[in-house]
Amino acid sequence: MVLPHYRSVDDLLTSTAPDQPVMCFCPGAIRAEAQKFATGFPGDVHYAVKANPHPAVLHWLKEGGVTGFDVASIAEIKLVRDQLGDAHCAYNHPVKSRADIEMSYRDLGVRDFVIDHENELAKLADICQRDCTIEVRIARANPDSAVDLNAKFGCDGQTATNLMRKASELGFEVAVAMHVGWQAPNPKAWGEAMAMGAGCAEAAGIRLKYANLGGGCPSILMPKDRRLEEFFTAIDLAKTEYMSGINLSCEPGSALVW
């Protein structure tokens, strides 16, 4: 995708004198943020497409080291397929219509799905073959985050344990998903959520295929005394303590493109 280039925002405004809002990108900065995650996070880095679904952004992030995409709608899956072919997509909105599950699975090649309720598991069991991974999203409250998403998404520990056990009995591979909230300032929050997820899996008697740690690393609200690397270190330590040998993934959005 070829976009017009300008030396600066001032240059753009002087050259075009727009009378409507204009979206400006810094491709080098986007690639650099992706590279920070790709080299620092102890696992796979996926991008939450909802943060900025511009096609060029997807390409720049892939060039920077992003290996997959967190998608929340059929439109986002089609966007990734149109731009990046068979790039890995995980359908991570926990509530999906039967029609959207069928299209994403049969027509668009999605094999990773998030749930937080038994009704969603039943839909997937009816529609999908057993070549899928079911991510059970847990809710671990984090009042320190600017927006605590766990009041809206995720389930309590007992429900998560039951869903993991049932998904495994149905023949699916099982993973755990979590999100410590938007702009979460405390690196320890990830360790607490990982401990909860590992405990649910142990109680269910299953081995996790992977752990999806979601997003949440602060960008515009990064505390002045924190650095991104501290979050990666805390996650790596928590992996050693709670999830040794389990693959991790993360799904930053605004931490990559802001």
Protein backbone atom coordinates (compact mmCIF):
# COMPACT_ATOMS: atom_id res chain seq x y z
CA MET A 1 0.00 0.00 0.00
CA VAL A 2 1.45 3.33 -1.11
CA LEU A 3 0.54 6.37 0.97
CA PRO A 4 1.64 9.96 0.38
CA HIS A 5 4.79 10.89 2.34
CA TYR A 6 5.58 14.17 4.06
CA ARG A 7 8.61 15.27 6.06
CA SER A 8 6.47 16.36 9.00
CA VAL A 9 2.90 17.15 10.04
CA ASP A 10 3.65 20.82 9.42
CA ASP A 11 4.77 19.96 5.90
CA LEU A 12 1.53 18.05 5.28
CA LEU A 13 -0.62 20.93 6.50
CA THR A 14 1.30 23.47 4.47
CA SER A 15 1.22 21.35 1.33
CA THR A 16 -2.41 20.26 1.39
CA ALA A 17 -4.28 22.80 3.57
CA PRO A 18 -6.90 20.16 4.50
CA ASP A 19 -10.35 21.24 5.66
CA GLN A 20 -11.18 17.79 7.04
CA PRO A 21 -9.42 15.66 9.68
CA VAL A 22 -6.30 13.86 8.45
CA MET A 23 -4.80 10.68 9.90
CA CYS A 24 -1.01 10.70 10.03
CA PHE A 25 1.21 7.65 10.48
CA CYS A 26 4.86 7.25 11.43
CA PRO A 27 5.73 3.84 9.94
CA GLY A 28 9.17 3.74 11.53
CA ALA A 29 7.73 4.34 14.99
CA ILE A 30 5.11 1.62 14.49
CA ARG A 31 7.74 -0.89 13.37
CA ALA A 32 9.96 0.10 16.31
CA GLU A 33 7.18 -0.49 18.87
CA ALA A 34 6.51 -3.90 17.33
CA GLN A 35 10.20 -4.75 17.53
CA LYS A 36 10.25 -3.87 21.25
CA PHE A 37 7.54 -6.42 21.92
CA ALA A 38 8.95 -9.01 19.51
CA THR A 39 12.37 -8.94 21.17
CA GLY A 40 11.27 -8.34 24.77
CA PHE A 41 8.06 -10.27 25.40
CA PRO A 42 8.71 -13.95 26.28
CA GLY A 43 6.32 -15.36 23.69
CA ASP A 44 4.34 -14.60 20.55
CA VAL A 45 3.13 -11.07 19.87
CA HIS A 46 -0.31 -10.61 18.32
CA TYR A 47 -1.93 -7.27 17.50
CA ALA A 48 -5.42 -6.27 18.66
CA VAL A 49 -6.78 -5.09 15.31
CA LYS A 50 -9.52 -3.01 16.92
CA ALA A 51 -6.91 -0.50 18.13
CA ASN A 52 -6.28 0.73 14.58
CA PRO A 53 -7.50 -1.37 11.63
CA HIS A 54 -5.85 0.62 8.86
CA PRO A 55 -4.43 -1.88 6.33
CA ALA A 56 -1.00 -0.22 6.26
CA VAL A 57 -0.71 -0.56 10.04
CA LEU A 58 -1.09 -4.34 9.77
CA HIS A 59 1.77 -4.53 7.26
CA TRP A 60 4.10 -2.31 9.29
CA LEU A 61 3.46 -4.32 12.45
CA LYS A 62 4.17 -7.59 10.67
CA GLU A 63 7.41 -6.10 9.37
CA GLY A 64 8.29 -5.22 12.97
CA GLY A 65 7.79 -8.76 14.24
CA VAL A 66 4.09 -9.19 15.05
CA THR A 67 3.18 -12.82 14.30
CA GLY A 68 -0.61 -12.88 14.63
CA PHE A 69 -3.78 -10.91 15.13
CA ASP A 70 -6.45 -10.66 17.80
CA VAL A 71 -9.70 -10.20 15.91
CA ALA A 72 -13.13 -9.41 17.34
CA SER A 73 -15.39 -9.53 14.27
CA ILE A 74 -15.79 -11.08 10.85
CA ALA A 75 -14.83 -7.73 9.31
CA GLU A 76 -11.49 -7.77 11.13
CA ILE A 77 -10.78 -11.37 10.07
CA LYS A 78 -11.55 -10.51 6.44
CA LEU A 79 -9.29 -7.46 6.68
CA VAL A 80 -6.36 -9.60 7.83
CA ARG A 81 -7.06 -12.22 5.18
CA ASP A 82 -7.24 -9.55 2.45
CA GLN A 83 -3.99 -7.92 3.54
CA LEU A 84 -1.87 -10.75 4.94
CA GLY A 85 -3.31 -13.98 3.61
CA ASP A 86 -3.19 -16.84 6.08
CA ALA A 87 -1.68 -14.87 8.99
CA HIS A 88 -2.71 -16.31 12.34
CA CYS A 89 -6.02 -14.96 13.66
CA ALA A 90 -7.63 -15.69 17.02
CA TYR A 91 -11.32 -14.82 17.33
CA ASN A 92 -11.22 -13.36 20.81
CA HIS A 93 -14.57 -11.70 21.33
CA PRO A 94 -16.19 -14.08 23.84
CA VAL A 95 -19.72 -13.70 22.39
CA LYS A 96 -20.21 -14.76 18.78
CA SER A 97 -23.23 -15.63 16.67
CA ARG A 98 -23.48 -19.10 15.22
CA ALA A 99 -23.25 -17.62 11.72
CA ASP A 100 -20.01 -15.80 12.59
CA ILE A 101 -18.49 -18.92 14.15
CA GLU A 102 -19.37 -20.94 11.06
CA MET A 103 -17.95 -18.36 8.65
CA SER A 104 -14.76 -17.81 10.64
CA TYR A 105 -14.14 -21.54 10.99
CA ARG A 106 -15.24 -22.91 7.63
CA ASP A 107 -14.49 -20.03 5.28
CA LEU A 108 -11.77 -17.96 6.96
CA GLY A 109 -9.57 -20.60 8.60
CA VAL A 110 -9.81 -19.50 12.23
CA ARG A 111 -8.92 -22.19 14.75
CA ASP A 112 -8.60 -20.28 18.05
CA PHE A 113 -11.69 -19.05 19.89
CA VAL A 114 -12.24 -17.34 23.25
CA ILE A 115 -15.17 -18.21 25.52
CA ASP A 116 -16.29 -17.24 29.01
CA HIS A 117 -19.67 -19.03 29.14
CA GLU A 118 -20.91 -22.57 28.60
CA ASN A 119 -23.34 -21.42 25.89
CA GLU A 120 -20.43 -20.28 23.73
CA LEU A 121 -18.68 -23.61 24.21
CA ALA A 122 -21.85 -25.41 23.11
CA LYS A 123 -21.98 -23.36 19.87
CA LEU A 124 -18.37 -24.18 19.06
CA ALA A 125 -18.89 -27.86 19.84
CA ASP A 126 -21.84 -27.97 17.42
CA ILE A 127 -20.12 -26.17 14.56
CA CYS A 128 -16.39 -26.88 14.71
CA GLN A 129 -14.31 -29.99 14.30
CA ARG A 130 -11.87 -30.81 17.08
CA ASP A 131 -8.93 -29.08 15.39
CA CYS A 132 -9.58 -25.92 17.42
CA THR A 133 -8.18 -24.45 20.60
CA ILE A 134 -10.67 -23.10 23.11
CA GLU A 135 -9.32 -20.19 25.15
CA VAL A 136 -11.18 -19.84 28.45
CA ARG A 137 -11.06 -16.21 29.52
CA ILE A 138 -10.70 -15.63 33.24
CA ALA A 139 -11.65 -12.44 35.08
CA ARG A 140 -9.07 -11.10 37.51
CA ALA A 141 -10.06 -7.67 38.79
CA ASN A 142 -7.41 -4.97 38.53
CA PRO A 143 -8.61 -1.64 39.95
CA ASP A 144 -5.21 -0.07 39.18
CA SER A 145 -5.90 -0.14 35.43
CA ALA A 146 -7.46 2.86 33.74
CA VAL A 147 -10.27 0.61 32.46
CA ASP A 148 -10.84 -2.72 34.19
CA LEU A 149 -12.31 -4.92 31.46
CA ASN A 150 -12.92 -7.80 33.85
CA ALA A 151 -16.29 -6.40 34.90
CA LYS A 152 -17.45 -7.04 31.33
CA PHE A 153 -15.49 -10.06 30.08
CA GLY A 154 -14.13 -13.23 31.65
CA CYS A 155 -15.42 -15.69 34.23
CA ASP A 156 -14.62 -16.60 37.83
CA GLY A 157 -12.19 -19.34 38.74
CA GLN A 158 -14.72 -22.12 39.31
CA THR A 159 -16.53 -21.39 36.05
CA ALA A 160 -13.20 -21.31 34.20
CA THR A 161 -12.20 -24.65 35.71
CA ASN A 162 -15.49 -26.21 34.63
CA LEU A 163 -15.21 -24.79 31.11
CA MET A 164 -11.64 -26.03 30.72
CA ARG A 165 -12.60 -29.50 31.86
CA LYS A 166 -15.66 -29.64 29.60
CA ALA A 167 -13.77 -28.33 26.55
CA SER A 168 -11.11 -30.97 27.07
CA GLU A 169 -13.73 -33.70 27.46
CA LEU A 170 -15.28 -32.56 24.17
CA GLY A 171 -11.94 -33.15 22.46
CA PHE A 172 -10.69 -29.58 22.08
CA GLU A 173 -7.26 -28.33 23.02
CA VAL A 174 -7.53 -25.80 25.82
CA ALA A 175 -5.79 -22.51 26.54
CA VAL A 176 -6.38 -19.73 29.03
CA ALA A 177 -6.96 -16.07 28.15
CA MET A 178 -6.86 -13.02 30.40
CA HIS A 179 -6.70 -9.23 30.30
CA VAL A 180 -5.49 -7.14 33.22
CA GLY A 181 -7.17 -3.97 31.93
CA TRP A 182 -6.36 -1.06 29.64
CA GLN A 183 -3.28 0.95 30.66
CA ALA A 184 -2.39 -1.27 33.63
CA PRO A 185 0.50 0.41 35.51
CA ASN A 186 1.63 -2.46 37.76
CA PRO A 187 3.66 -5.31 36.19
CA LYS A 188 2.65 -7.63 39.05
CA ALA A 189 -0.92 -7.73 37.74
CA TRP A 190 0.09 -10.19 35.02
CA GLY A 191 1.64 -12.58 37.52
CA GLU A 192 -1.52 -12.58 39.61
CA ALA A 193 -3.67 -13.38 36.57
CA MET A 194 -1.25 -16.06 35.40
CA ALA A 195 -1.34 -17.70 38.83
CA MET A 196 -5.13 -17.78 38.67
CA GLY A 197 -5.13 -19.27 35.17
CA ALA A 198 -2.59 -21.93 36.10
CA GLY A 199 -4.63 -22.83 39.17
CA CYS A 200 -7.80 -23.26 37.11
CA ALA A 201 -6.01 -25.57 34.68
CA GLU A 202 -4.56 -27.63 37.51
CA ALA A 203 -7.99 -27.95 39.14
CA ALA A 204 -9.46 -29.01 35.80
CA GLY A 205 -6.74 -31.63 35.36
CA ILE A 206 -5.68 -30.37 31.96
CA ARG A 207 -2.47 -29.17 30.33
CA LEU A 208 -2.75 -25.72 28.76
CA LYS A 209 -1.74 -25.43 25.11
CA TYR A 210 -0.83 -21.79 25.71
CA ALA A 211 -1.70 -18.75 27.79
CA ASN A 212 -2.99 -15.61 26.09
CA LEU A 213 -2.06 -12.70 28.37
CA GLY A 214 -4.04 -10.12 26.43
CA GLY A 215 -2.96 -6.50 26.31
CA GLY A 216 -2.78 -3.83 28.97
CA CYS A 217 0.82 -2.62 28.89
CA PRO A 218 0.61 1.14 29.34
CA SER A 219 1.58 3.53 26.58
CA ILE A 220 0.09 7.01 26.95
CA LEU A 221 -0.33 6.39 30.71
CA MET A 222 3.04 4.73 31.35
CA PRO A 223 4.15 5.76 34.89
CA LYS A 224 7.23 7.97 34.81
CA ASP A 225 9.16 5.52 36.97
CA ARG A 226 8.36 2.48 34.77
CA ARG A 227 9.77 1.08 31.54
CA LEU A 228 8.18 -1.44 29.18
CA GLU A 229 11.00 -3.88 29.84
CA GLU A 230 9.89 -4.17 33.48
CA PHE A 231 6.59 -5.63 32.35
CA PHE A 232 8.33 -8.22 30.19
CA THR A 233 10.62 -9.18 33.07
CA ALA A 234 7.69 -9.58 35.48
CA ILE A 235 5.85 -11.77 32.98
CA ASP A 236 8.94 -13.91 32.40
CA LEU A 237 9.35 -14.44 36.14
CA ALA A 238 5.68 -15.35 36.50
CA LYS A 239 6.01 -17.83 33.64
CA THR A 240 8.86 -19.55 35.47
CA GLU A 241 6.82 -19.72 38.67
CA TYR A 242 3.36 -20.59 37.36
CA MET A 243 3.51 -21.62 33.70
CA SER A 244 6.86 -23.24 33.05
CA GLY A 245 6.90 -24.93 29.66
CA ILE A 246 3.68 -23.24 28.49
CA ASN A 247 3.79 -20.98 25.46
CA LEU A 248 2.70 -17.40 26.02
CA SER A 249 1.16 -14.85 23.72
CA CYS A 250 0.15 -11.23 24.20
CA GLU A 251 -2.23 -8.96 22.30
CA PRO A 252 -1.25 -5.31 22.63
CA GLY A 253 -3.26 -2.70 20.79
CA SER A 254 -2.67 0.88 21.88
CA ALA A 255 0.74 -0.15 23.27
CA LEU A 256 1.80 -0.70 19.66
CA VAL A 257 -0.14 1.98 17.79
CA TRP A 258 -0.96 5.19 19.70
